[in-house]
């Protein structure tokens, strides 16, 4: 495989890493939004009176739900989302490291290609 072909393969790989990184960042942003929403719901539960009725939207229907069950579900959802955010942050960090390594490889290949081109130019001039 020629140097230019290797360089093209590395650039394509780098672009793929960038797309994966963007997707991971969007995912983390979405998870953070869900976390804030669920934390607000948990805060609202704290403001409810003991005899308050809670309804859960299931499809187009509102279904009555027990307060302890609703509070427990939201608490579990918050814990789950926090775990997913940690996983997403780990993935983002890994992708950042891979991108950096790939950038260095591309620069190295570009430097080699330039050196190779400069070595060929004096030969052609003679």
PDB file of N, CA and C in Angstrom:
ATOM      1  N   UNK A   1       0.856  -1.174   0.000  1.00  0.00           N
ATOM      2  CA  UNK A   1       0.000   0.000   0.000  1.00  0.00           C
ATOM      3  C   UNK A   1       0.902   1.238   0.000  1.00  0.00           C
ATOM      4  N   UNK A   2       0.600   2.158  -0.886  1.00  0.00           N
ATOM      5  CA  UNK A   2       1.428   3.361  -0.976  1.00  0.00           C
ATOM      6  C   UNK A   2       1.171   4.277   0.213  1.00  0.00           C
ATOM      7  N   UNK A   3       2.054   5.217   0.367  1.00  0.00           N
ATOM      8  CA  UNK A   3       1.960   6.166   1.478  1.00  0.00           C
ATOM      9  C   UNK A   3       0.667   6.982   1.385  1.00  0.00           C
ATOM     10  N   UNK A   4       0.330   7.424   0.183  1.00  0.00           N
ATOM     11  CA  UNK A   4      -0.901   8.207   0.007  1.00  0.00           C
ATOM     12  C   UNK A   4      -2.141   7.379   0.303  1.00  0.00           C
ATOM     13  N   UNK A   5      -2.122   6.113  -0.059  1.00  0.00           N
ATOM     14  CA  UNK A   5      -3.256   5.243   0.250  1.00  0.00           C
ATOM     15  C   UNK A   5      -3.385   5.045   1.753  1.00  0.00           C
ATOM     16  N   UNK A   6      -2.257   4.822   2.438  1.00  0.00           N
ATOM     17  CA  UNK A   6      -2.278   4.681   3.901  1.00  0.00           C
ATOM     18  C   UNK A   6      -2.816   5.950   4.552  1.00  0.00           C
ATOM     19  N   UNK A   7      -2.375   7.096   4.021  1.00  0.00           N
ATOM     20  CA  UNK A   7      -2.833   8.384   4.555  1.00  0.00           C
ATOM     21  C   UNK A   7      -4.341   8.519   4.380  1.00  0.00           C
ATOM     22  N   UNK A   8      -4.846   8.145   3.221  1.00  0.00           N
ATOM     23  CA  UNK A   8      -6.286   8.237   2.958  1.00  0.00           C
ATOM     24  C   UNK A   8      -7.070   7.320   3.897  1.00  0.00           C
ATOM     25  N   UNK A   9      -6.559   6.129   4.144  1.00  0.00           N
ATOM     26  CA  UNK A   9      -7.210   5.190   5.053  1.00  0.00           C
ATOM     27  C   UNK A   9      -7.260   5.779   6.468  1.00  0.00           C
ATOM     28  N   UNK A  10      -6.163   6.366   6.896  1.00  0.00           N
ATOM     29  CA  UNK A  10      -6.109   6.963   8.243  1.00  0.00           C
ATOM     30  C   UNK A  10      -7.065   8.153   8.366  1.00  0.00           C
ATOM     31  N   UNK A  11      -7.144   8.968   7.326  1.00  0.00           N
ATOM     32  CA  UNK A  11      -8.050  10.125   7.344  1.00  0.00           C
ATOM     33  C   UNK A  11      -9.500   9.645   7.421  1.00  0.00           C
ATOM     34  N   UNK A  12      -9.830   8.623   6.653  1.00  0.00           N
ATOM     35  CA  UNK A  12     -11.183   8.066   6.684  1.00  0.00           C
ATOM     36  C   UNK A  12     -11.493   7.515   8.075  1.00  0.00           C
ATOM     37  N   UNK A  13     -10.533   6.828   8.660  1.00  0.00           N
ATOM     38  CA  UNK A  13     -10.698   6.281  10.004  1.00  0.00           C
ATOM     39  C   UNK A  13     -10.901   7.413  11.021  1.00  0.00           C
ATOM     40  N   UNK A  14     -10.143   8.493  10.858  1.00  0.00           N
ATOM     41  CA  UNK A  14     -10.267   9.642  11.753  1.00  0.00           C
ATOM     42  C   UNK A  14     -11.653  10.271  11.635  1.00  0.00           C
ATOM     43  N   UNK A  15     -12.151  10.385  10.423  1.00  0.00           N
ATOM     44  CA  UNK A  15     -13.483  10.958  10.210  1.00  0.00           C
ATOM     45  C   UNK A  15     -14.553  10.090  10.867  1.00  0.00           C
ATOM     46  N   UNK A  16     -14.373   8.781  10.795  1.00  0.00           N
ATOM     47  CA  UNK A  16     -15.304   7.860  11.440  1.00  0.00           C
ATOM     48  C   UNK A  16     -15.269   8.053  12.965  1.00  0.00           C
ATOM     49  N   UNK A  17     -14.065   8.227  13.512  1.00  0.00           N
ATOM     50  CA  UNK A  17     -13.938   8.487  14.954  1.00  0.00           C
ATOM     51  C   UNK A  17     -14.635   9.786  15.340  1.00  0.00           C
ATOM     52  N   UNK A  18     -14.515  10.800  14.494  1.00  0.00           N
ATOM     53  CA  UNK A  18     -15.173  12.073  14.768  1.00  0.00           C
ATOM     54  C   UNK A  18     -16.692  11.916  14.795  1.00  0.00           C
ATOM     55  N   UNK A  19     -17.226  11.115  13.884  1.00  0.00           N
ATOM     56  CA  UNK A  19     -18.668  10.877  13.865  1.00  0.00           C
ATOM     57  C   UNK A  19     -19.108  10.139  15.127  1.00  0.00           C
ATOM     58  N   UNK A  20     -18.342   9.137  15.523  1.00  0.00           N
ATOM     59  CA  UNK A  20     -18.655   8.395  16.748  1.00  0.00           C
ATOM     60  C   UNK A  20     -18.603   9.317  17.965  1.00  0.00           C
ATOM     61  N   UNK A  21     -17.618  10.203  17.980  1.00  0.00           N
ATOM     62  CA  UNK A  21     -17.474  11.151  19.081  1.00  0.00           C
ATOM     63  C   UNK A  21     -18.687  12.077  19.153  1.00  0.00           C
ATOM     64  N   UNK A  22     -19.091  12.603  18.006  1.00  0.00           N
ATOM     65  CA  UNK A  22     -20.258  13.502  17.969  1.00  0.00           C
ATOM     66  C   UNK A  22     -21.512  12.781  18.454  1.00  0.00           C
ATOM     67  N   UNK A  23     -21.669  11.541  18.044  1.00  0.00           N
ATOM     68  CA  UNK A  23     -22.825  10.749  18.464  1.00  0.00           C
ATOM     69  C   UNK A  23     -22.798  10.532  19.984  1.00  0.00           C
ATOM     70  N   UNK A  24     -21.628  10.235  20.531  1.00  0.00           N
ATOM     71  CA  UNK A  24     -21.498  10.013  21.973  1.00  0.00           C
ATOM     72  C   UNK A  24     -21.799  11.289  22.758  1.00  0.00           C
ATOM     73  N   UNK A  25     -21.355  12.431  22.237  1.00  0.00           N
ATOM     74  CA  UNK A  25     -21.623  13.710  22.914  1.00  0.00           C
ATOM     75  C   UNK A  25     -23.126  14.017  22.881  1.00  0.00           C
ATOM     76  N   UNK A  26     -23.757  13.776  21.727  1.00  0.00           N
ATOM     77  CA  UNK A  26     -25.210  13.994  21.639  1.00  0.00           C
ATOM     78  C   UNK A  26     -25.949  13.087  22.620  1.00  0.00           C
ATOM     79  N   UNK A  27     -25.503  11.840  22.724  1.00  0.00           N
ATOM     80  CA  UNK A  27     -26.116  10.889  23.646  1.00  0.00           C
ATOM     81  C   UNK A  27     -25.983  11.375  25.092  1.00  0.00           C
ATOM     82  N   UNK A  28     -24.781  11.831  25.450  1.00  0.00           N
ATOM     83  CA  UNK A  28     -24.574  12.329  26.822  1.00  0.00           C
ATOM     84  C   UNK A  28     -25.458  13.544  27.093  1.00  0.00           C
ATOM     85  N   UNK A  29     -25.573  14.427  26.116  1.00  0.00           N
ATOM     86  CA  UNK A  29     -26.409  15.619  26.276  1.00  0.00           C
ATOM     87  C   UNK A  29     -27.866  15.230  26.504  1.00  0.00           C
ATOM     88  N   UNK A  30     -28.321  14.248  25.740  1.00  0.00           N
ATOM     89  CA  UNK A  30     -29.694  13.770  25.892  1.00  0.00           C
ATOM     90  C   UNK A  30     -29.896  13.150  27.273  1.00  0.00           C
ATOM     91  N   UNK A  31     -28.924  12.377  27.728  1.00  0.00           N
ATOM     92  CA  UNK A  31     -29.013  11.760  29.049  1.00  0.00           C
ATOM     93  C   UNK A  31     -29.039  12.815  30.151  1.00  0.00           C
ATOM     94  N   UNK A  32     -28.219  13.851  30.004  1.00  0.00           N
ATOM     95  CA  UNK A  32     -28.201  14.921  31.010  1.00  0.00           C
ATOM     96  C   UNK A  32     -29.543  15.637  31.062  1.00  0.00           C
ATOM     97  N   UNK A  33     -30.158  15.813  29.903  1.00  0.00           N
ATOM     98  CA  UNK A  33     -31.479  16.434  29.841  1.00  0.00           C
ATOM     99  C   UNK A  33     -32.509  15.553  30.560  1.00  0.00           C
ATOM    100  N   UNK A  34     -32.449  14.247  30.313  1.00  0.00           N
ATOM    101  CA  UNK A  34     -33.360  13.322  30.986  1.00  0.00           C
ATOM    102  C   UNK A  34     -33.128  13.318  32.498  1.00  0.00           C
ATOM    103  N   UNK A  35     -31.866  13.417  32.891  1.00  0.00           N
ATOM    104  CA  UNK A  35     -31.544  13.439  34.314  1.00  0.00           C
ATOM    105  C   UNK A  35     -32.160  14.671  34.980  1.00  0.00           C
ATOM    106  N   UNK A  36     -31.990  15.827  34.352  1.00  0.00           N
ATOM    107  CA  UNK A  36     -32.567  17.065  34.914  1.00  0.00           C
ATOM    108  C   UNK A  36     -34.085  16.937  35.036  1.00  0.00           C
ATOM    109  N   UNK A  37     -34.714  16.393  33.999  1.00  0.00           N
ATOM    110  CA  UNK A  37     -36.165  16.229  34.021  1.00  0.00           C
ATOM    111  C   UNK A  37     -36.592  15.326  35.171  1.00  0.00           C
ATOM    112  N   UNK A  38     -35.905  14.210  35.345  1.00  0.00           N
ATOM    113  CA  UNK A  38     -36.259  13.286  36.412  1.00  0.00           C
ATOM    114  C   UNK A  38     -35.958  13.860  37.791  1.00  0.00           C
ATOM    115  N   UNK A  39     -34.898  14.649  37.903  1.00  0.00           N
ATOM    116  CA  UNK A  39     -34.600  15.301  39.186  1.00  0.00           C
ATOM    117  C   UNK A  39     -35.689  16.312  39.538  1.00  0.00           C
ATOM    118  N   UNK A  40     -36.216  16.989  38.523  1.00  0.00           N
ATOM    119  CA  UNK A  40     -37.328  17.929  38.757  1.00  0.00           C
ATOM    120  C   UNK A  40     -38.568  17.177  39.237  1.00  0.00           C
ATOM    121  N   UNK A  41     -38.831  16.024  38.627  1.00  0.00           N
ATOM    122  CA  UNK A  41     -39.975  15.207  39.053  1.00  0.00           C
ATOM    123  C   UNK A  41     -39.781  14.777  40.507  1.00  0.00           C
ATOM    124  N   UNK A  42     -38.575  14.346  40.851  1.00  0.00           N
ATOM    125  CA  UNK A  42     -38.292  13.930  42.230  1.00  0.00           C
ATOM    126  C   UNK A  42     -38.494  15.103  43.197  1.00  0.00           C
ATOM    127  N   UNK A  43     -38.078  16.288  42.767  1.00  0.00           N
ATOM    128  CA  UNK A  43     -38.263  17.476  43.601  1.00  0.00           C
ATOM    129  C   UNK A  43     -39.756  17.772  43.791  1.00  0.00           C
ATOM    130  N   UNK A  44     -40.528  17.618  42.723  1.00  0.00           N
ATOM    131  CA  UNK A  44     -41.977  17.832  42.799  1.00  0.00           C
ATOM    132  C   UNK A  44     -42.626  16.819  43.747  1.00  0.00           C
ATOM    133  N   UNK A  45     -42.149  15.574  43.723  1.00  0.00           N
ATOM    134  CA  UNK A  45     -42.679  14.568  44.641  1.00  0.00           C
ATOM    135  C   UNK A  45     -42.473  15.007  46.087  1.00  0.00           C
ATOM    136  N   UNK A  46     -41.365  15.678  46.350  1.00  0.00           N
ATOM    137  CA  UNK A  46     -41.081  16.161  47.698  1.00  0.00           C
ATOM    138  C   UNK A  46     -42.050  17.232  48.153  1.00  0.00           C
ATOM    139  N   UNK A  47     -42.661  17.923  47.208  1.00  0.00           N
ATOM    140  CA  UNK A  47     -43.596  18.998  47.534  1.00  0.00           C
ATOM    141  C   UNK A  47     -45.041  18.508  47.705  1.00  0.00           C
ATOM    142  N   UNK A  48     -45.299  17.259  47.300  1.00  0.00           N
ATOM    143  CA  UNK A  48     -46.660  16.728  47.359  1.00  0.00           C
ATOM    144  C   UNK A  48     -47.098  16.452  48.794  1.00  0.00           C
ATOM    145  N   UNK A  49     -48.402  16.585  49.011  1.00  0.00           N
ATOM    146  CA  UNK A  49     -48.970  16.201  50.300  1.00  0.00           C
ATOM    147  C   UNK A  49     -49.093  14.683  50.326  1.00  0.00           C
ATOM    148  N   UNK A  50     -49.185  14.126  51.531  1.00  0.00           N
ATOM    149  CA  UNK A  50     -49.235  12.677  51.683  1.00  0.00           C
ATOM    150  C   UNK A  50     -50.435  12.040  50.990  1.00  0.00           C
ATOM    151  N   UNK A  51     -51.545  12.766  50.927  1.00  0.00           N
ATOM    152  CA  UNK A  51     -52.753  12.188  50.335  1.00  0.00           C
ATOM    153  C   UNK A  51     -52.901  12.524  48.843  1.00  0.00           C
ATOM    154  N   UNK A  52     -51.839  13.047  48.223  1.00  0.00           N
ATOM    155  CA  UNK A  52     -51.900  13.425  46.808  1.00  0.00           C
ATOM    156  C   UNK A  52     -51.997  12.183  45.922  1.00  0.00           C
ATOM    157  N   UNK A  53     -52.694  12.343  44.804  1.00  0.00           N
ATOM    158  CA  UNK A  53     -52.839  11.251  43.849  1.00  0.00           C
ATOM    159  C   UNK A  53     -51.860  11.480  42.702  1.00  0.00           C
ATOM    160  N   UNK A  54     -51.144  10.419  42.338  1.00  0.00           N
ATOM    161  CA  UNK A  54     -50.165  10.506  41.247  1.00  0.00           C
ATOM    162  C   UNK A  54     -50.665   9.655  40.092  1.00  0.00           C
ATOM    163  N   UNK A  55     -50.577  10.226  38.903  1.00  0.00           N
ATOM    164  CA  UNK A  55     -50.958   9.502  37.701  1.00  0.00           C
ATOM    165  C   UNK A  55     -49.748   9.362  36.795  1.00  0.00           C
ATOM    166  N   UNK A  56     -49.710   8.224  36.113  1.00  0.00           N
ATOM    167  CA  UNK A  56     -48.624   7.952  35.173  1.00  0.00           C
ATOM    168  C   UNK A  56     -49.245   7.857  33.782  1.00  0.00           C
ATOM    169  N   UNK A  57     -48.602   8.507  32.827  1.00  0.00           N
ATOM    170  CA  UNK A  57     -49.081   8.471  31.450  1.00  0.00           C
ATOM    171  C   UNK A  57     -48.547   7.213  30.770  1.00  0.00           C
ATOM    172  N   UNK A  58     -49.451   6.327  30.383  1.00  0.00           N
ATOM    173  CA  UNK A  58     -49.082   5.102  29.663  1.00  0.00           C
ATOM    174  C   UNK A  58     -49.830   5.151  28.336  1.00  0.00           C
ATOM    175  N   UNK A  59     -49.067   5.472  27.284  1.00  0.00           N
ATOM    176  CA  UNK A  59     -49.716   5.676  25.984  1.00  0.00           C
ATOM    177  C   UNK A  59     -50.638   6.878  26.093  1.00  0.00           C
ATOM    178  N   UNK A  60     -51.881   6.745  25.652  1.00  0.00           N
ATOM    179  CA  UNK A  60     -52.814   7.882  25.732  1.00  0.00           C
ATOM    180  C   UNK A  60     -53.626   7.901  27.032  1.00  0.00           C
ATOM    181  N   UNK A  61     -53.308   7.012  27.983  1.00  0.00           N
ATOM    182  CA  UNK A  61     -54.121   6.840  29.184  1.00  0.00           C
ATOM    183  C   UNK A  61     -53.344   7.242  30.434  1.00  0.00           C
ATOM    184  N   UNK A  62     -54.017   7.972  31.339  1.00  0.00           N
ATOM    185  CA  UNK A  62     -53.454   8.269  32.654  1.00  0.00           C
ATOM    186  C   UNK A  62     -53.888   7.178  33.623  1.00  0.00           C
ATOM    187  N   UNK A  63     -52.906   6.544  34.269  1.00  0.00           N
ATOM    188  CA  UNK A  63     -53.180   5.453  35.197  1.00  0.00           C
ATOM    189  C   UNK A  63     -52.728   5.881  36.585  1.00  0.00           C
ATOM    190  N   UNK A  64     -53.601   5.638  37.570  1.00  0.00           N
ATOM    191  CA  UNK A  64     -53.269   5.990  38.954  1.00  0.00           C
ATOM    192  C   UNK A  64     -52.100   5.125  39.417  1.00  0.00           C
ATOM    193  N   UNK A  65     -51.177   5.759  40.161  1.00  0.00           N
ATOM    194  CA  UNK A  65     -49.997   5.042  40.635  1.00  0.00           C
ATOM    195  C   UNK A  65     -49.789   5.350  42.113  1.00  0.00           C
ATOM    196  N   UNK A  66     -49.357   4.344  42.858  1.00  0.00           N
ATOM    197  CA  UNK A  66     -49.076   4.530  44.282  1.00  0.00           C
ATOM    198  C   UNK A  66     -47.883   5.478  44.432  1.00  0.00           C
ATOM    199  N   UNK A  67     -47.945   6.354  45.421  1.00  0.00           N
ATOM    200  CA  UNK A  67     -46.871   7.322  45.641  1.00  0.00           C
ATOM    201  C   UNK A  67     -45.516   6.661  45.879  1.00  0.00           C
ATOM    202  N   UNK A  68     -45.406   5.662  46.770  1.00  0.00           N
ATOM    203  CA  UNK A  68     -44.089   5.042  46.982  1.00  0.00           C
ATOM    204  C   UNK A  68     -43.540   4.391  45.698  1.00  0.00           C
ATOM    205  N   UNK A  69     -44.428   3.800  44.927  1.00  0.00           N
ATOM    206  CA  UNK A  69     -44.004   3.169  43.681  1.00  0.00           C
ATOM    207  C   UNK A  69     -43.485   4.224  42.694  1.00  0.00           C
ATOM    208  N   UNK A  70     -44.203   5.333  42.580  1.00  0.00           N
ATOM    209  CA  UNK A  70     -43.795   6.401  41.658  1.00  0.00           C
ATOM    210  C   UNK A  70     -42.454   7.000  42.078  1.00  0.00           C
ATOM    211  N   UNK A  71     -42.305   7.255  43.380  1.00  0.00           N
ATOM    212  CA  UNK A  71     -41.052   7.814  43.895  1.00  0.00           C
ATOM    213  C   UNK A  71     -39.905   6.820  43.657  1.00  0.00           C
ATOM    214  N   UNK A  72     -40.159   5.553  43.904  1.00  0.00           N
ATOM    215  CA  UNK A  72     -39.139   4.526  43.686  1.00  0.00           C
ATOM    216  C   UNK A  72     -38.745   4.420  42.223  1.00  0.00           C
ATOM    217  N   UNK A  73     -39.726   4.479  41.331  1.00  0.00           N
ATOM    218  CA  UNK A  73     -39.436   4.399  39.896  1.00  0.00           C
ATOM    219  C   UNK A  73     -38.564   5.562  39.431  1.00  0.00           C
ATOM    220  N   UNK A  74     -38.893   6.752  39.882  1.00  0.00           N
ATOM    221  CA  UNK A  74     -38.122   7.931  39.487  1.00  0.00           C
ATOM    222  C   UNK A  74     -36.707   7.847  40.063  1.00  0.00           C
ATOM    223  N   UNK A  75     -36.599   7.386  41.300  1.00  0.00           N
ATOM    224  CA  UNK A  75     -35.284   7.238  41.922  1.00  0.00           C
ATOM    225  C   UNK A  75     -34.425   6.231  41.160  1.00  0.00           C
ATOM    226  N   UNK A  76     -35.027   5.102  40.782  1.00  0.00           N
ATOM    227  CA  UNK A  76     -34.305   4.094  40.007  1.00  0.00           C
ATOM    228  C   UNK A  76     -33.896   4.650  38.642  1.00  0.00           C
ATOM    229  N   UNK A  77     -34.790   5.410  38.031  1.00  0.00           N
ATOM    230  CA  UNK A  77     -34.501   5.990  36.723  1.00  0.00           C
ATOM    231  C   UNK A  77     -33.333   6.975  36.829  1.00  0.00           C
ATOM    232  N   UNK A  78     -33.303   7.761  37.888  1.00  0.00           N
ATOM    233  CA  UNK A  78     -32.199   8.711  38.097  1.00  0.00           C
ATOM    234  C   UNK A  78     -30.878   7.953  38.246  1.00  0.00           C
ATOM    235  N   UNK A  79     -30.883   6.888  39.043  1.00  0.00           N
ATOM    236  CA  UNK A  79     -29.665   6.086  39.218  1.00  0.00           C
ATOM    237  C   UNK A  79     -29.207   5.484  37.891  1.00  0.00           C
ATOM    238  N   UNK A  80     -30.160   4.963  37.125  1.00  0.00           N
ATOM    239  CA  UNK A  80     -29.836   4.362  35.829  1.00  0.00           C
ATOM    240  C   UNK A  80     -29.231   5.405  34.882  1.00  0.00           C
ATOM    241  N   UNK A  81     -29.848   6.574  34.822  1.00  0.00           N
ATOM    242  CA  UNK A  81     -29.367   7.629  33.923  1.00  0.00           C
ATOM    243  C   UNK A  81     -27.974   8.088  34.341  1.00  0.00           C
ATOM    244  N   UNK A  82     -27.731   8.208  35.636  1.00  0.00           N
ATOM    245  CA  UNK A  82     -26.389   8.586  36.108  1.00  0.00           C
ATOM    246  C   UNK A  82     -25.349   7.556  35.672  1.00  0.00           C
ATOM    247  N   UNK A  83     -25.705   6.285  35.745  1.00  0.00           N
ATOM    248  CA  UNK A  83     -24.799   5.227  35.294  1.00  0.00           C
ATOM    249  C   UNK A  83     -24.534   5.326  33.794  1.00  0.00           C
ATOM    250  N   UNK A  84     -25.574   5.620  33.034  1.00  0.00           N
ATOM    251  CA  UNK A  84     -25.430   5.769  31.583  1.00  0.00           C
ATOM    252  C   UNK A  84     -24.567   6.985  31.236  1.00  0.00           C
ATOM    253  N   UNK A  85     -24.698   8.048  32.018  1.00  0.00           N
ATOM    254  CA  UNK A  85     -23.872   9.241  31.788  1.00  0.00           C
ATOM    255  C   UNK A  85     -22.405   8.906  32.043  1.00  0.00           C
ATOM    256  N   UNK A  86     -22.127   8.172  33.108  1.00  0.00           N
ATOM    257  CA  UNK A  86     -20.737   7.766  33.389  1.00  0.00           C
ATOM    258  C   UNK A  86     -20.186   6.926  32.244  1.00  0.00           C
ATOM    259  N   UNK A  87     -21.009   5.998  31.740  1.00  0.00           N
ATOM    260  CA  UNK A  87     -20.587   5.150  30.625  1.00  0.00           C
ATOM    261  C   UNK A  87     -20.324   6.002  29.380  1.00  0.00           C
ATOM    262  N   UNK A  88     -21.201   6.973  29.129  1.00  0.00           N
ATOM    263  CA  UNK A  88     -21.036   7.849  27.969  1.00  0.00           C
ATOM    264  C   UNK A  88     -19.770   8.698  28.108  1.00  0.00           C
ATOM    265  N   UNK A  89     -19.493   9.184  29.310  1.00  0.00           N
ATOM    266  CA  UNK A  89     -18.291   9.992  29.528  1.00  0.00           C
ATOM    267  C   UNK A  89     -17.024   9.166  29.333  1.00  0.00           C
ATOM    268  N   UNK A  90     -17.057   7.909  29.757  1.00  0.00           N
ATOM    269  CA  UNK A  90     -15.914   7.014  29.545  1.00  0.00           C
ATOM    270  C   UNK A  90     -15.694   6.803  28.054  1.00  0.00           C
ATOM    271  N   UNK A  91     -16.774   6.579  27.326  1.00  0.00           N
ATOM    272  CA  UNK A  91     -16.685   6.391  25.881  1.00  0.00           C
ATOM    273  C   UNK A  91     -16.137   7.644  25.204  1.00  0.00           C
ATOM    274  N   UNK A  92     -16.602   8.808  25.628  1.00  0.00           N
ATOM    275  CA  UNK A  92     -16.131  10.073  25.053  1.00  0.00           C
ATOM    276  C   UNK A  92     -14.633  10.233  25.286  1.00  0.00           C
ATOM    277  N   UNK A  93     -14.190   9.920  26.502  1.00  0.00           N
ATOM    278  CA  UNK A  93     -12.764  10.031  26.820  1.00  0.00           C
ATOM    279  C   UNK A  93     -11.942   9.082  25.943  1.00  0.00           C
ATOM    280  N   UNK A  94     -12.424   7.849  25.784  1.00  0.00           N
ATOM    281  CA  UNK A  94     -11.723   6.874  24.939  1.00  0.00           C
ATOM    282  C   UNK A  94     -11.650   7.366  23.488  1.00  0.00           C
ATOM    283  N   UNK A  95     -12.753   7.914  22.997  1.00  0.00           N
ATOM    284  CA  UNK A  95     -12.781   8.407  21.614  1.00  0.00           C
ATOM    285  C   UNK A  95     -11.849   9.606  21.435  1.00  0.00           C
ATOM    286  N   UNK A  96     -11.773  10.459  22.462  1.00  0.00           N
ATOM    287  CA  UNK A  96     -10.847  11.597  22.394  1.00  0.00           C
ATOM    288  C   UNK A  96      -9.406  11.096  22.284  1.00  0.00           C
ATOM    289  N   UNK A  97      -9.085  10.083  23.077  1.00  0.00           N
ATOM    290  CA  UNK A  97      -7.723   9.521  23.041  1.00  0.00           C
ATOM    291  C   UNK A  97      -7.429   8.883  21.685  1.00  0.00           C
ATOM    292  N   UNK A  98      -8.388   8.142  21.150  1.00  0.00           N
ATOM    293  CA  UNK A  98      -8.206   7.517  19.840  1.00  0.00           C
ATOM    294  C   UNK A  98      -8.029   8.580  18.749  1.00  0.00           C
ATOM    295  N   UNK A  99      -8.815   9.656  18.842  1.00  0.00           N
ATOM    296  CA  UNK A  99      -8.697  10.738  17.854  1.00  0.00           C
ATOM    297  C   UNK A  99      -7.312  11.364  17.911  1.00  0.00           C
ATOM    298  N   UNK A 100      -6.822  11.568  19.113  1.00  0.00           N
ATOM    299  CA  UNK A 100      -5.506  12.185  19.274  1.00  0.00           C
ATOM    300  C   UNK A 100      -4.418  11.292  18.671  1.00  0.00           C
ATOM    301  N   UNK A 101      -4.489   9.987  18.945  1.00  0.00           N
ATOM    302  CA  UNK A 101      -3.519   9.050  18.378  1.00  0.00           C
ATOM    303  C   UNK A 101      -3.608   9.043  16.852  1.00  0.00           C
ATOM    304  N   UNK A 102      -4.829   9.063  16.349  1.00  0.00           N
ATOM    305  CA  UNK A 102      -5.030   9.032  14.902  1.00  0.00           C
ATOM    306  C   UNK A 102      -4.491  10.318  14.270  1.00  0.00           C
ATOM    307  N   UNK A 103      -4.685  11.451  14.948  1.00  0.00           N
ATOM    308  CA  UNK A 103      -4.157  12.734  14.445  1.00  0.00           C
ATOM    309  C   UNK A 103      -2.640  12.673  14.329  1.00  0.00           C
ATOM    310  N   UNK A 104      -2.000  12.137  15.366  1.00  0.00           N
ATOM    311  CA  UNK A 104      -0.544  12.027  15.359  1.00  0.00           C
ATOM    312  C   UNK A 104      -0.076  11.127  14.221  1.00  0.00           C
ATOM    313  N   UNK A 105      -0.786  10.036  13.989  1.00  0.00           N
ATOM    314  CA  UNK A 105      -0.443   9.119  12.899  1.00  0.00           C
ATOM    315  C   UNK A 105      -0.583   9.807  11.543  1.00  0.00           C
ATOM    316  N   UNK A 106      -1.642  10.589  11.396  1.00  0.00           N
ATOM    317  CA  UNK A 106      -1.869  11.317  10.135  1.00  0.00           C
ATOM    318  C   UNK A 106      -0.760  12.333   9.902  1.00  0.00           C
ATOM    319  N   UNK A 107      -0.390  13.075  10.950  1.00  0.00           N
ATOM    320  CA  UNK A 107       0.684  14.069  10.822  1.00  0.00           C
ATOM    321  C   UNK A 107       1.986  13.379  10.439  1.00  0.00           C
ATOM    322  N   UNK A 108       2.243  12.237  11.060  1.00  0.00           N
ATOM    323  CA  UNK A 108       3.454  11.478  10.758  1.00  0.00           C
ATOM    324  C   UNK A 108       3.468  11.038   9.284  1.00  0.00           C
ATOM    325  N   UNK A 109       2.340  10.531   8.822  1.00  0.00           N
ATOM    326  CA  UNK A 109       2.252  10.095   7.426  1.00  0.00           C
ATOM    327  C   UNK A 109       2.365  11.276   6.457  1.00  0.00           C
ATOM    328  N   UNK A 110       1.761  12.415   6.829  1.00  0.00           N
ATOM    329  CA  UNK A 110       1.867  13.610   5.978  1.00  0.00           C
ATOM    330  C   UNK A 110       3.315  14.080   5.886  1.00  0.00           C
ATOM    331  N   UNK A 111       4.008  14.035   7.017  1.00  0.00           N
ATOM    332  CA  UNK A 111       5.420  14.432   7.041  1.00  0.00           C
ATOM    333  C   UNK A 111       6.243  13.506   6.149  1.00  0.00           C
ATOM    334  N   UNK A 112       5.995  12.207   6.269  1.00  0.00           N
ATOM    335  CA  UNK A 112       6.703  11.244   5.419  1.00  0.00           C
ATOM    336  C   UNK A 112       6.401  11.492   3.938  1.00  0.00           C
ATOM    337  N   UNK A 113       5.155  11.782   3.630  1.00  0.00           N
ATOM    338  CA  UNK A 113       4.772  12.037   2.235  1.00  0.00           C
ATOM    339  C   UNK A 113       5.469  13.289   1.709  1.00  0.00           C
ATOM    340  N   UNK A 114       5.554  14.325   2.536  1.00  0.00           N
ATOM    341  CA  UNK A 114       6.239  15.556   2.124  1.00  0.00           C
ATOM    342  C   UNK A 114       7.728  15.307   1.913  1.00  0.00           C
ATOM    343  N   UNK A 115       8.331  14.544   2.821  1.00  0.00           N
ATOM    344  CA  UNK A 115       9.753  14.229   2.682  1.00  0.00           C
ATOM    345  C   UNK A 115       9.998  13.420   1.406  1.00  0.00           C
ATOM    346  N   UNK A 116       9.135  12.479   1.163  1.00  0.00           N
ATOM    347  CA  UNK A 116       9.257  11.653  -0.036  1.00  0.00           C
ATOM    348  C   UNK A 116       9.120  12.513  -1.297  1.00  0.00           C
ATOM    349  N   UNK A 117       8.205  13.437  -1.265  1.00  0.00           N
ATOM    350  CA  UNK A 117       7.980  14.317  -2.413  1.00  0.00           C
ATOM    351  C   UNK A 117       9.178  15.241  -2.626  1.00  0.00           C
ATOM    352  N   UNK A 118       9.758  15.746  -1.539  1.00  0.00           N
ATOM    353  CA  UNK A 118      10.923  16.622  -1.646  1.00  0.00           C
ATOM    354  C   UNK A 118      12.138  15.863  -2.168  1.00  0.00           C
ATOM    355  N   UNK A 119      12.261  14.597  -1.797  1.00  0.00           N
ATOM    356  CA  UNK A 119      13.378  13.792  -2.284  1.00  0.00           C
ATOM    357  C   UNK A 119      13.237  13.510  -3.776  1.00  0.00           C
ATOM    358  N   UNK A 120      12.030  13.392  -4.253  1.00  0.00           N
ATOM    359  CA  UNK A 120      11.804  13.115  -5.675  1.00  0.00           C
ATOM    360  C   UNK A 120      11.996  14.353  -6.533  1.00  0.00           C
ATOM    361  N   UNK A 121      11.732  15.537  -5.986  1.00  0.00           N
ATOM    362  CA  UNK A 121      11.849  16.772  -6.764  1.00  0.00           C
ATOM    363  C   UNK A 121      13.289  17.065  -7.198  1.00  0.00           C
ATOM    364  N   UNK A 122      14.302  16.995  -6.359  1.00  0.00           N
ATOM    365  CA  UNK A 122      15.664  17.256  -6.825  1.00  0.00           C
ATOM    366  C   UNK A 122      16.094  16.243  -7.887  1.00  0.00           C
ATOM    367  N   UNK A 123      15.658  15.012  -7.782  1.00  0.00           N
ATOM    368  CA  UNK A 123      16.000  13.997  -8.756  1.00  0.00           C
ATOM    369  C   UNK A 123      15.410  14.353 -10.123  1.00  0.00           C
ATOM    370  N   UNK A 124      14.202  14.871 -10.120  1.00  0.00           N
ATOM    371  CA  UNK A 124      13.560  15.245 -11.375  1.00  0.00           C
ATOM    372  C   UNK A 124      14.223  16.485 -11.984  1.00  0.00           C
ATOM    373  N   UNK A 125      14.760  17.381 -11.155  1.00  0.00           N
ATOM    374  CA  UNK A 125      15.382  18.610 -11.644  1.00  0.00           C
ATOM    375  C   UNK A 125      16.728  18.321 -12.301  1.00  0.00           C
ATOM    376  N   UNK A 126      17.406  17.263 -11.908  1.00  0.00           N
ATOM    377  CA  UNK A 126      18.725  16.951 -12.459  1.00  0.00           C
ATOM    378  C   UNK A 126      18.609  16.374 -13.776  1.00  0.00           C
TER     379      UNK A 126
END
